[in-house]
Protein backbone atom coordinates (compact mmCIF):
# COMPACT_ATOMS: atom_id res chain seq x y z
CA MET A 1 0.00 0.00 0.00
CA PRO A 2 1.78 3.20 -1.11
CA ALA A 3 2.17 5.90 1.50
CA THR A 4 2.18 9.59 0.69
CA ARG A 5 3.48 12.73 2.28
CA THR A 6 2.61 16.31 1.40
CA LEU A 7 5.29 18.88 2.15
CA ALA A 8 5.12 22.60 2.78
CA GLY A 9 6.64 24.60 -0.04
CA PRO A 10 9.09 27.49 0.38
CA ALA A 11 6.30 30.09 0.47
CA GLY A 12 3.92 28.12 2.63
CA GLY A 13 2.27 26.42 -0.34
CA ARG A 14 2.17 22.68 -0.97
CA THR A 15 4.59 20.71 -3.06
CA ALA A 16 3.80 17.56 -5.00
CA VAL A 17 2.85 14.54 -3.01
CA ARG A 18 5.52 11.83 -2.86
CA ALA A 19 4.58 8.17 -2.72
CA LEU A 20 6.38 5.26 -1.11
CA PRO A 21 7.06 2.37 -3.51
CA PRO A 22 4.93 -0.77 -3.01
CA LEU A 23 6.04 -2.35 0.25
CA VAL A 24 6.64 -5.95 -0.85
CA PRO A 25 8.84 -5.12 -3.88
CA LEU A 26 10.66 -2.54 -1.75
CA ALA A 27 11.31 -5.18 0.91
CA VAL A 28 12.61 -7.66 -1.67
CA VAL A 29 14.90 -5.05 -3.21
CA THR A 30 16.34 -4.13 0.18
CA GLY A 31 16.61 -7.81 1.15
CA ILE A 32 18.04 -9.26 -2.07
CA SER A 33 21.55 -9.23 -0.61
CA PRO A 34 20.84 -11.85 2.10
CA LEU A 35 19.54 -14.08 -0.67
CA ALA A 36 22.68 -13.49 -2.73
CA THR A 37 24.80 -14.09 0.38
CA ASP A 38 23.32 -17.35 1.64
CA MET A 39 21.47 -19.03 -1.20
CA TYR A 40 24.54 -20.50 -2.90
CA ILE A 41 26.26 -21.68 0.30
CA PRO A 42 24.98 -25.30 -0.02
CA GLY A 43 26.67 -25.42 -3.44
CA LEU A 44 30.12 -24.24 -2.28
CA PRO A 45 31.72 -27.72 -2.30
CA GLY A 46 30.48 -28.39 -5.83
CA MET A 47 31.60 -24.93 -6.92
CA ALA A 48 35.16 -25.61 -5.76
CA VAL A 49 35.28 -28.86 -7.76
CA ASP A 50 33.65 -27.34 -10.86
CA LEU A 51 36.02 -24.36 -10.97
CA GLY A 52 39.09 -26.44 -10.12
CA THR A 53 39.90 -24.47 -7.00
CA THR A 54 40.14 -24.99 -3.25
CA PRO A 55 37.29 -24.71 -0.74
CA ALA A 56 39.06 -21.69 0.78
CA VAL A 57 38.98 -19.82 -2.55
CA ALA A 58 35.34 -20.77 -3.06
CA GLN A 59 34.53 -19.36 0.39
CA LEU A 60 36.44 -16.21 -0.56
CA SER A 61 33.60 -15.45 -2.98
CA LEU A 62 31.40 -14.96 0.08
CA THR A 63 33.93 -12.64 1.72
CA ALA A 64 34.26 -10.63 -1.50
CA PHE A 65 30.52 -10.06 -1.62
CA LEU A 66 30.28 -9.03 2.05
CA VAL A 67 33.19 -6.58 1.86
CA ALA A 68 31.85 -4.96 -1.29
CA PHE A 69 28.37 -4.80 0.23
CA ALA A 70 29.62 -2.95 3.33
CA LEU A 71 31.80 -0.53 1.35
CA GLY A 72 29.09 -0.06 -1.28
CA MET A 73 26.61 1.15 1.32
CA LEU A 74 29.06 3.80 2.50
CA VAL A 75 29.49 5.01 -1.08
CA VAL A 76 25.95 4.73 -2.44
CA GLY A 77 24.04 6.27 0.48
CA PRO A 78 25.62 9.74 0.45
CA VAL A 79 25.58 9.83 -3.36
CA SER A 80 21.83 9.15 -3.36
CA ASP A 81 21.31 12.23 -1.15
CA GLY A 82 22.81 14.29 -3.97
CA LEU A 83 21.47 12.53 -7.07
CA GLY A 84 18.12 11.15 -5.92
CA ARG A 85 16.96 7.62 -5.22
CA ARG A 86 15.27 6.18 -8.28
CA ARG A 87 18.11 6.31 -10.79
CA ILE A 88 20.49 4.67 -8.30
CA MET A 89 17.93 1.99 -7.53
CA VAL A 90 17.53 1.32 -11.27
CA VAL A 91 21.29 1.15 -11.90
CA GLY A 92 21.89 -1.00 -8.82
CA THR A 93 19.14 -3.49 -9.74
CA ALA A 94 20.31 -3.70 -13.35
CA LEU A 95 23.90 -4.27 -12.21
CA PHE A 96 22.68 -6.99 -9.87
CA VAL A 97 21.09 -8.81 -12.81
CA LEU A 98 24.24 -8.54 -14.95
CA THR A 99 26.58 -9.66 -12.18
CA SER A 100 24.31 -12.60 -11.32
CA VAL A 101 24.56 -13.73 -14.95
CA ALA A 102 28.34 -13.25 -14.80
CA CYS A 103 28.51 -15.45 -11.69
CA ALA A 104 26.40 -18.13 -13.37
CA LEU A 105 28.69 -18.15 -16.43
CA ALA A 106 32.01 -17.74 -14.56
CA PRO A 107 34.64 -20.00 -16.21
CA ASP A 108 37.06 -19.82 -13.29
CA ALA A 109 37.40 -18.61 -9.72
CA SER A 110 38.98 -15.24 -10.59
CA VAL A 111 36.03 -14.22 -12.77
CA LEU A 112 33.63 -15.36 -10.07
CA LEU A 113 35.41 -13.28 -7.40
CA VAL A 114 35.25 -10.13 -9.54
CA ALA A 115 31.58 -10.76 -10.33
CA ARG A 116 30.80 -11.27 -6.63
CA LEU A 117 32.54 -8.00 -5.74
CA LEU A 118 30.39 -6.13 -8.24
CA GLN A 119 27.29 -8.01 -7.10
CA GLY A 120 27.95 -6.85 -3.53
CA LEU A 121 28.13 -3.24 -4.69
CA ALA A 122 24.86 -3.67 -6.59
CA GLY A 123 23.13 -5.20 -3.58
CA ALA A 124 24.25 -2.28 -1.42
CA ALA A 125 22.28 0.13 -3.60
CA GLY A 126 18.97 -1.54 -2.81
CA ALA A 127 19.71 -1.94 0.90
CA VAL A 128 20.61 1.72 1.46
CA VAL A 129 18.32 3.46 -0.99
CA GLY A 130 15.28 1.45 0.11
CA ARG A 131 15.59 2.62 3.70
CA ALA A 132 16.27 6.19 2.55
CA MET A 133 13.07 6.13 0.46
CA VAL A 134 11.06 5.29 3.57
CA THR A 135 12.64 8.23 5.42
CA ASP A 136 11.97 10.56 2.48
CA VAL A 137 8.25 9.89 2.61
CA LEU A 138 7.38 8.95 6.19
CA ASP A 139 8.22 10.31 9.61
CA GLY A 140 7.63 9.52 13.27
CA ASP A 141 5.84 6.32 14.20
CA ARG A 142 4.83 5.52 10.61
CA ARG A 143 8.48 5.50 9.52
CA ALA A 144 9.40 3.26 12.46
CA ARG A 145 6.57 0.83 11.67
CA VAL A 146 7.53 0.49 8.00
CA ILE A 147 11.23 0.05 8.80
CA GLY A 148 10.17 -2.61 11.30
CA LEU A 149 8.11 -4.39 8.65
CA LEU A 150 11.00 -4.23 6.17
CA SER A 151 13.32 -5.65 8.83
CA ALA A 152 10.90 -8.51 9.50
CA ILE A 153 10.62 -9.39 5.81
CA ASN A 154 14.39 -9.12 5.39
CA ALA A 155 14.96 -11.38 8.40
CA VAL A 156 13.18 -14.16 6.51
CA ALA A 157 15.84 -14.17 3.76
CA PRO A 158 18.72 -15.77 5.75
CA VAL A 159 16.34 -18.54 6.83
CA VAL A 160 14.84 -19.21 3.42
CA ALA A 161 17.97 -18.70 1.30
CA PRO A 162 19.92 -21.88 2.23
CA LEU A 163 16.73 -23.94 1.94
CA LEU A 164 16.08 -22.53 -1.55
CA GLY A 165 19.71 -23.14 -2.47
CA GLY A 166 19.49 -26.76 -1.35
CA LEU A 167 16.27 -27.21 -3.31
CA LEU A 168 17.81 -25.78 -6.48
CA LEU A 169 20.75 -28.18 -6.17
CA ARG A 170 18.29 -31.03 -6.70
CA PHE A 171 17.65 -29.72 -10.22
CA GLY A 172 21.06 -28.37 -11.19
CA THR A 173 24.46 -27.18 -10.02
CA TRP A 174 25.49 -24.11 -8.03
CA ARG A 175 25.18 -22.09 -11.25
CA LEU A 176 21.40 -22.53 -11.15
CA THR A 177 21.34 -20.48 -7.94
CA PHE A 178 22.80 -17.47 -9.72
CA TRP A 179 20.43 -17.90 -12.65
CA ALA A 180 17.58 -17.81 -10.11
CA LEU A 181 19.02 -14.59 -8.65
CA ALA A 182 19.27 -13.13 -12.16
CA VAL A 183 15.60 -13.92 -12.86
CA THR A 184 14.58 -12.44 -9.50
CA GLY A 185 16.62 -9.33 -10.20
CA THR A 186 15.02 -8.96 -13.64
CA LEU A 187 11.53 -9.07 -12.15
CA LEU A 188 12.57 -6.50 -9.56
CA LEU A 189 14.04 -4.26 -12.26
CA VAL A 190 10.71 -4.27 -14.08
CA LEU A 191 8.91 -3.35 -10.84
CA VAL A 192 11.40 -0.58 -10.05
CA LEU A 193 11.00 0.90 -13.52
CA THR A 194 7.21 0.74 -13.48
CA THR A 195 6.16 1.30 -9.85
CA PHE A 196 8.99 3.07 -7.96
CA PRO A 197 8.64 6.86 -7.90
CA GLU A 198 11.40 9.33 -7.12
CA THR A 199 11.02 10.08 -3.40
CA LEU A 200 13.67 12.80 -3.20
CA PRO A 201 12.75 15.78 -5.41
CA ALA A 202 15.54 17.94 -6.79
CA GLU A 203 14.85 20.86 -4.45
CA ARG A 204 15.44 18.66 -1.39
CA ARG A 205 18.70 17.09 -2.54
CA SER A 206 22.03 17.88 -0.91
CA HIS A 207 24.52 19.80 -3.00
CA GLY A 208 27.11 17.68 -4.77
CA ALA A 209 27.52 13.96 -5.39
CA GLY A 210 31.30 13.57 -5.39
CA VAL A 211 33.64 12.18 -2.78
CA SER A 212 34.12 15.49 -0.95
CA ALA A 213 30.37 16.11 -0.79
CA SER A 214 29.75 12.60 0.50
CA LEU A 215 32.43 12.97 3.17
CA ARG A 216 30.97 16.32 4.15
CA ARG A 217 27.54 14.78 4.65
CA MET A 218 29.02 11.99 6.74
CA GLY A 219 30.90 14.56 8.79
CA VAL A 220 27.69 16.42 9.61
CA LEU A 221 26.08 13.29 11.05
CA LEU A 222 29.23 12.13 12.83
CA ARG A 223 29.38 15.44 14.70
CA MET A 224 26.00 14.61 16.30
CA PRO A 225 26.80 12.86 19.64
CA ARG A 226 23.46 11.06 19.86
CA PHE A 227 23.73 9.75 16.29
CA VAL A 228 27.24 8.47 16.99
CA LEU A 229 26.05 6.71 20.14
CA TYR A 230 23.30 4.88 18.26
CA LEU A 231 25.83 4.02 15.57
CA VAL A 232 28.41 2.63 18.00
CA THR A 233 25.70 0.76 19.90
CA SER A 234 24.55 -0.89 16.69
CA CYS A 235 28.13 -1.80 15.70
CA VAL A 236 29.13 -3.46 18.97
CA ALA A 237 25.80 -5.29 19.23
CA THR A 238 26.29 -6.62 15.71
CA VAL A 239 29.74 -7.95 16.67
CA GLY A 240 28.00 -10.34 19.05
CA PHE A 241 25.43 -11.31 16.44
CA PHE A 242 28.09 -12.14 13.86
CA ALA A 243 29.89 -14.27 16.44
CA TYR A 244 26.72 -16.35 16.73
CA ILE A 245 26.30 -16.68 12.96
CA ALA A 246 29.93 -17.70 12.41
CA THR A 247 30.30 -20.11 15.33
CA SER A 248 26.95 -21.73 16.04
CA SER A 249 27.14 -24.30 13.23
CA PHE A 250 30.47 -25.64 14.54
CA VAL A 251 29.23 -25.62 18.13
CA PHE A 252 26.06 -27.58 17.44
CA GLN A 253 27.40 -29.94 14.79
CA GLU A 254 30.86 -30.69 16.18
CA LEU A 255 30.36 -30.27 19.92
CA TYR A 256 26.79 -31.53 20.28
CA GLY A 257 26.73 -33.83 17.26
CA TYR A 258 23.71 -32.24 15.58
CA SER A 259 23.07 -33.23 11.97
CA GLU A 260 22.98 -30.60 9.25
CA SER A 261 19.19 -30.78 9.08
CA ARG A 262 18.86 -30.44 12.86
CA TYR A 263 21.19 -27.45 12.91
CA THR A 264 19.09 -25.92 10.13
CA LEU A 265 16.14 -26.24 12.50
CA VAL A 266 18.15 -24.46 15.23
CA PHE A 267 19.01 -21.60 12.89
CA ALA A 268 15.46 -21.35 11.55
CA THR A 269 13.97 -21.31 15.05
CA ASN A 270 16.28 -18.55 16.20
CA ALA A 271 15.70 -16.52 13.04
CA SER A 272 11.95 -16.93 13.52
CA ALA A 273 12.30 -15.41 16.99
CA MET A 274 13.93 -12.38 15.36
CA ILE A 275 11.13 -12.10 12.81
CA VAL A 276 8.53 -12.14 15.60
CA SER A 277 10.34 -9.43 17.57
CA THR A 278 10.67 -7.12 14.56
CA LEU A 279 6.95 -7.47 13.94
CA LEU A 280 6.36 -6.81 17.63
CA PHE A 281 8.42 -3.63 17.32
CA SER A 282 6.16 -2.43 14.51
CA ARG A 283 3.06 -3.11 16.61
CA LEU A 284 4.36 -1.47 19.80
CA VAL A 285 6.04 1.63 18.41
CA GLY A 286 3.84 4.64 19.07
CA ARG A 287 2.66 3.19 22.35
CA VAL A 288 6.22 2.51 23.53
CA SER A 289 9.13 4.75 22.56
CA GLU A 290 11.74 3.48 20.10
CA ASP A 291 14.45 4.15 22.69
CA ARG A 292 12.71 2.01 25.28
CA LEU A 293 12.24 -0.85 22.83
CA LEU A 294 15.92 -0.60 21.88
CA SER A 295 16.95 -0.61 25.55
CA VAL A 296 14.77 -3.63 26.32
CA GLY A 297 16.23 -5.48 23.35
CA LEU A 298 19.80 -4.79 24.44
CA LEU A 299 19.19 -5.74 28.07
CA VAL A 300 17.38 -8.97 27.20
CA ALA A 301 20.04 -9.88 24.61
CA THR A 302 22.78 -9.22 27.16
CA ALA A 303 21.05 -11.43 29.72
CA GLY A 304 20.61 -14.15 27.10
CA SER A 305 24.30 -13.89 26.15
CA ALA A 306 25.29 -14.27 29.80
CA ALA A 307 23.14 -17.41 29.92
CA VAL A 308 24.86 -18.73 26.78
CA LEU A 309 28.27 -18.23 28.39
CA VAL A 310 27.25 -19.87 31.67
CA LEU A 311 25.71 -22.84 29.83
CA ALA A 312 28.84 -23.21 27.72
CA LEU A 313 31.12 -23.11 30.78
CA THR A 314 29.03 -25.76 32.54
CA SER A 315 28.76 -28.04 29.47
CA ALA A 316 24.97 -27.84 29.55
CA PRO A 317 22.86 -29.82 27.05
CA GLY A 318 22.52 -28.48 23.53
CA GLY A 319 18.81 -27.85 23.98
CA ALA A 320 19.47 -25.38 26.79
CA LEU A 321 22.03 -23.51 24.68
CA TRP A 322 19.55 -23.49 21.80
CA ALA A 323 16.89 -21.86 24.01
CA ALA A 324 19.30 -19.20 25.30
CA LEU A 325 20.37 -18.33 21.76
CA ALA A 326 16.71 -18.00 20.76
CA VAL A 327 16.33 -15.36 23.48
CA VAL A 328 19.36 -13.46 22.16
CA THR A 329 18.33 -13.56 18.50
CA GLY A 330 14.76 -12.66 19.39
CA ALA A 331 15.94 -9.61 21.30
CA GLN A 332 18.23 -8.72 18.39
CA GLY A 333 15.12 -7.97 16.35
CA LEU A 334 14.38 -5.06 18.68
CA VAL A 335 18.03 -3.97 18.63
CA ILE A 336 18.47 -3.97 14.85
CA THR A 337 15.14 -2.27 14.17
CA GLY A 338 15.43 0.20 17.04
CA SER A 339 18.90 1.38 16.08
CA ALA A 340 17.86 1.66 12.41
CA THR A 341 14.80 3.79 13.18
CA ARG A 342 16.69 6.09 15.56
CA THR A 343 19.60 6.74 13.21
CA GLN A 344 17.16 7.42 10.38
CA ALA A 345 15.20 9.82 12.59
CA LEU A 346 18.30 11.79 13.56
CA GLY A 347 19.65 11.74 10.02
CA HIS A 348 16.33 12.54 8.33
CA ALA A 349 17.85 15.51 6.47
CA MET A 350 20.33 13.13 4.77
CA PRO A 351 18.65 9.71 5.01
CA GLY A 352 20.85 8.06 2.41
CA THR A 353 23.97 8.99 4.36
CA ALA A 354 22.35 7.93 7.64
CA ALA A 355 21.41 4.53 6.18
CA ALA A 356 24.90 4.15 4.72
CA LEU A 357 26.62 4.79 8.03
CA SER A 358 24.28 2.67 10.14
CA GLY A 359 24.25 -0.19 7.64
CA GLY A 360 27.79 -0.06 6.28
CA LEU A 361 29.62 0.47 9.56
CA ALA A 362 27.44 -1.95 11.52
CA PHE A 363 27.97 -4.57 8.83
CA GLY A 364 31.72 -3.87 8.53
CA VAL A 365 32.54 -3.54 12.22
CA GLY A 366 30.07 -6.27 13.17
CA GLY A 367 31.91 -8.62 10.85
CA LEU A 368 34.82 -8.53 13.30
CA GLY A 369 32.78 -10.90 15.46
CA THR A 370 33.53 -13.69 12.99
CA PRO A 371 37.37 -13.72 13.24
CA LEU A 372 37.26 -12.73 16.92
CA ALA A 373 35.23 -15.79 17.87
CA GLY A 374 37.55 -17.88 15.72
CA LEU A 375 40.69 -16.51 17.39
CA LEU A 376 39.22 -17.41 20.76
CA GLY A 377 38.84 -21.00 19.64
CA GLY A 378 35.50 -21.10 17.84
CA THR A 379 33.92 -22.84 20.83
CA ALA A 380 30.64 -22.27 22.64
CA VAL A 381 32.59 -20.38 25.33
CA ALA A 382 34.17 -18.14 22.69
CA MET A 383 30.77 -17.49 21.11
CA GLY A 384 29.20 -16.60 24.44
CA THR A 385 32.11 -14.38 25.43
CA VAL A 386 32.05 -12.29 22.25
CA MET A 387 28.25 -12.05 22.34
CA LEU A 388 28.26 -10.89 25.96
CA LEU A 389 31.01 -8.32 25.38
CA GLY A 390 29.37 -6.82 22.28
CA LEU A 391 25.81 -6.73 23.57
CA GLY A 392 26.87 -5.75 27.08
CA VAL A 393 28.76 -2.72 25.81
CA GLY A 394 25.78 -1.83 23.61
CA ALA A 395 23.41 -2.02 26.59
CA LEU A 396 25.74 0.16 28.67
CA LEU A 397 25.94 2.78 25.93
CA GLN A 398 22.17 2.88 25.43
CA THR A 399 21.00 2.80 29.06
CA VAL A 400 23.73 4.82 30.81
CA VAL A 401 25.93 6.83 28.45
CA ALA A 402 23.11 7.94 26.15
CA ARG A 403 21.10 9.29 29.06
CA ARG A 404 24.04 11.33 30.28
CA VAL A 405 24.59 12.72 26.80
CA ALA A 406 20.89 13.61 26.54
CA SER A 407 20.85 15.32 29.96
CA ALA A 408 24.04 17.24 29.16
CA GLY A 409 22.52 18.42 25.86
């Protein structure tokens, strides 16, 4: 259902009404990157054999995508504040289609790595610009609700993607996954061209679209103490979340002896808890402040992380660890959505830049949770330790430091 917003003109008149793109296509565009990240993972072993390379090089294609995705958000967001949203969304979606075809046709690992880098950049356009479009058109509780709904729909992708990838492998090789992404991207491109309006009119765009202008816009937001606090809170909380994503499969399959299908059930259950909490955020916002929901999420996630660590130290059964992780991931839905809505609210004058910083830095810095948990041994204790440190610091920043900054301001 498109949403509209009428703005006051410079002389007190009314400007043209801007419409939000249809919600489901917008959600798919912003969430296409999780599909591109996870859908081909079941085919990694076959990919390594087919391309005549090692498993490590095949896995590097995942790293290439993630790095480009994080950097792409930092580039695309500020540029969209200067050039507008629609043309960047069109170019990004078209590039996603072309790079998906390139991945499907890749004759060797080097071509695949380059194609995955470009695919990550293309995916970043949809992720950043989609959230900026919401901020262009909506404000207050309505903006928070829609961002919450987008987060809930996007949270489905990491759960569904590996299942879809495994299903496609029954009918073809890993290349079929990228053909499926290309077809999906083509359908989205048609929808973008036919149903997505420009949500940032020329008179509201920031001056300049080059590197210096982008850095200037970032500098404006990074000089806002409250924005920086939300940003840092999101980054450190995401460190703990990435530690869970990177380590949980080894913990459950190697330590507890879970089968691949049973671990898939663990991951799906925990992801479902996150979906429920993001939907809950959308229902509660307006009656409960975004800051309070964010604080509750951080405190509950911290408590759940402490439980994970205690259970790991006491060699508790896998089912108990599973339940504690479900609490953490469920609370993460409030954390991710709450931090996104608050950074967008504070950065409403430059929503593309705000989305770039909150998404790009959280994704980039949060990714440190993966090697950190590995350096600590990749065990359940390491996972719990990194989760507790990241989420605990986030809770401290949100519930103590932020209040002091607000009272001092």
